C-alpha atoms as a PDB file:
ATOM      1  CA  MET A   1    -122.758 -73.509-112.206  1.00  0.00           C
ATOM      2  CA  SER A   2    -123.597 -74.805-108.747  1.00  0.00           C
ATOM      3  CA  ASP A   3    -121.993 -77.926-107.308  1.00  0.00           C
ATOM      4  CA  THR A   4    -125.290 -79.828-107.646  1.00  0.00           C
ATOM      5  CA  ASN A   5    -125.696 -78.859-111.302  1.00  0.00           C
ATOM      6  CA  ASN A   6    -122.037 -79.653-111.960  1.00  0.00           C
ATOM      7  CA  SER A   7    -122.382 -83.080-110.322  1.00  0.00           C
ATOM      8  CA  THR A   8    -125.525 -83.813-112.320  1.00  0.00           C
ATOM      9  CA  ALA A   9    -123.850 -82.741-115.564  1.00  0.00           C
ATOM     10  CA  GLU A  10    -120.803 -84.896-114.782  1.00  0.00           C
ATOM     11  CA  ALA A  11    -123.015 -87.912-114.015  1.00  0.00           C
ATOM     12  CA  LEU A  12    -124.934 -87.451-117.260  1.00  0.00           C
ATOM     13  CA  PHE A  13    -121.698 -87.108-119.211  1.00  0.00           C
ATOM     14  CA  GLU A  14    -120.291 -90.275-117.609  1.00  0.00           C
ATOM     15  CA  LYS A  15    -123.466 -92.132-118.648  1.00  0.00           C
ATOM     16  CA  ALA A  16    -123.127 -90.734-122.159  1.00  0.00           C
ATOM     17  CA  LEU A  17    -119.490 -91.898-122.284  1.00  0.00           C
ATOM     18  CA  SER A  18    -120.575 -95.377-121.237  1.00  0.00           C
ATOM     19  CA  VAL A  19    -123.193 -95.567-123.995  1.00  0.00           C
ATOM     20  CA  ALA A  20    -120.754 -94.227-126.591  1.00  0.00           C
ATOM     21  CA  GLU A  21    -118.019 -96.646-125.540  1.00  0.00           C
ATOM     22  CA  LYS A  22    -120.367 -99.619-125.788  1.00  0.00           C
ATOM     23  CA  HIS A  23    -121.347 -98.700-129.344  1.00  0.00           C
ATOM     24  CA  LEU A  24    -117.795 -97.850-130.360  1.00  0.00           C
ATOM     25  CA  GLU A  25    -116.567-101.247-129.157  1.00  0.00           C
ATOM     26  CA  ALA A  26    -119.276-102.959-131.217  1.00  0.00           C
ATOM     27  CA  ALA A  27    -118.395-100.901-134.300  1.00  0.00           C
ATOM     28  CA  LEU A  28    -114.676-101.611-133.941  1.00  0.00           C
ATOM     29  CA  LYS A  29    -115.326-105.324-133.544  1.00  0.00           C
ATOM     30  CA  GLU A  30    -117.478-105.304-136.676  1.00  0.00           C
ATOM     31  CA  ALA A  31    -114.894-103.235-138.593  1.00  0.00           C
ATOM     32  CA  GLY A  32    -112.070-105.737-138.171  1.00  0.00           C
ATOM     33  CA  PRO A  33    -108.999-104.447-140.002  1.00  0.00           C
ATOM     34  CA  LEU A  34    -110.739-101.127-140.658  1.00  0.00           C
ATOM     35  CA  ALA A  35    -111.070-100.410-136.920  1.00  0.00           C
ATOM     36  CA  ALA A  36    -108.650 -97.468-136.867  1.00  0.00           C
ATOM     37  CA  TYR A  37    -110.475 -95.822-139.766  1.00  0.00           C
ATOM     38  CA  VAL A  38    -113.862 -96.478-138.194  1.00  0.00           C
ATOM     39  CA  ALA A  39    -112.732 -94.922-134.910  1.00  0.00           C
ATOM     40  CA  VAL A  40    -111.660 -91.724-136.673  1.00  0.00           C
ATOM     41  CA  ALA A  41    -114.765 -91.718-138.875  1.00  0.00           C
ATOM     42  CA  MET A  42    -116.938 -92.004-135.773  1.00  0.00           C
ATOM     43  CA  ILE A  43    -115.247 -88.907-134.360  1.00  0.00           C
ATOM     44  CA  GLU A  44    -116.142 -86.988-137.511  1.00  0.00           C
ATOM     45  CA  VAL A  45    -119.715 -88.255-137.511  1.00  0.00           C
ATOM     46  CA  ALA A  46    -120.073 -87.433-133.814  1.00  0.00           C
ATOM     47  CA  VAL A  47    -118.720 -83.915-134.279  1.00  0.00           C
ATOM     48  CA  ASN A  48    -121.072 -83.274-137.201  1.00  0.00           C
ATOM     49  CA  GLN A  49    -124.033 -84.561-135.195  1.00  0.00           C
ATOM     50  CA  ALA A  50    -123.013 -82.547-132.136  1.00  0.00           C
ATOM     51  CA  VAL A  51    -122.976 -79.364-134.221  1.00  0.00           C
ATOM     52  CA  GLU A  52    -126.554 -80.111-135.276  1.00  0.00           C
ATOM     53  CA  GLU A  53    -127.586 -80.693-131.645  1.00  0.00           C
ATOM     54  CA  THR A  54    -125.825 -77.668-130.125  1.00  0.00           C
ATOM     55  CA  THR A  55    -123.683 -74.826-131.491  1.00  0.00           C
ATOM     56  CA  HIS A  56    -120.435 -74.725-133.392  1.00  0.00           C
ATOM     57  CA  GLN A  57    -118.805 -72.873-130.510  1.00  0.00           C
ATOM     58  CA  ASP A  58    -119.946 -75.460-127.945  1.00  0.00           C
ATOM     59  CA  VAL A  59    -118.392 -78.215-130.021  1.00  0.00           C
ATOM     60  CA  VAL A  60    -115.179 -76.257-130.555  1.00  0.00           C
ATOM     61  CA  ASP A  61    -114.942 -75.615-126.807  1.00  0.00           C
ATOM     62  CA  MET A  62    -115.497 -79.302-126.018  1.00  0.00           C
ATOM     63  CA  LEU A  63    -112.880 -80.357-128.557  1.00  0.00           C
ATOM     64  CA  HIS A  64    -110.388 -77.882-127.069  1.00  0.00           C
ATOM     65  CA  ASP A  65    -111.070 -79.353-123.619  1.00  0.00           C
ATOM     66  CA  LEU A  66    -110.588 -82.866-124.997  1.00  0.00           C
ATOM     67  CA  ALA A  67    -107.314 -81.887-126.710  1.00  0.00           C
ATOM     68  CA  ASN A  68    -106.070 -80.370-123.450  1.00  0.00           C
ATOM     69  CA  GLN A  69    -106.919 -83.585-121.579  1.00  0.00           C
ATOM     70  CA  ILE A  70    -105.046 -85.655-124.157  1.00  0.00           C
ATOM     71  CA  GLU A  71    -101.984 -83.404-123.882  1.00  0.00           C
ATOM     72  CA  GLN A  72    -102.071 -83.535-120.070  1.00  0.00           C
ATOM     73  CA  ASP A  73    -102.297 -87.335-120.145  1.00  0.00           C
ATOM     74  CA  ALA A  74     -99.332 -87.481-122.522  1.00  0.00           C
ATOM     75  CA  ASP A  75     -97.314 -85.144-120.303  1.00  0.00           C
ATOM     76  CA  GLU A  76     -98.080 -87.284-117.244  1.00  0.00           C
ATOM     77  CA  GLU A  77     -96.947 -90.422-119.102  1.00  0.00           C
ATOM     78  CA  ASP A  78     -93.670 -88.700-120.021  1.00  0.00           C
ATOM     79  CA  GLU A  79     -92.896 -87.886-116.372  1.00  0.00           C
END
């Protein structure tokens, strides 16, 4: 992927994150004491929807990338 395409993809993903975060915050506020469950349920719903929009392998790859980011963040916090 060229640098221009990569930059465009990153910008689109950042916009998508912003939209998702806005809606997640609203859902968590509405959920009250169920917020932790709603957050996890939204992950499941999002994964199921993503599979319908793309391929199983694309979603698996994205989830692996996300898991790696989480582990790296945890390792950095431990240092």
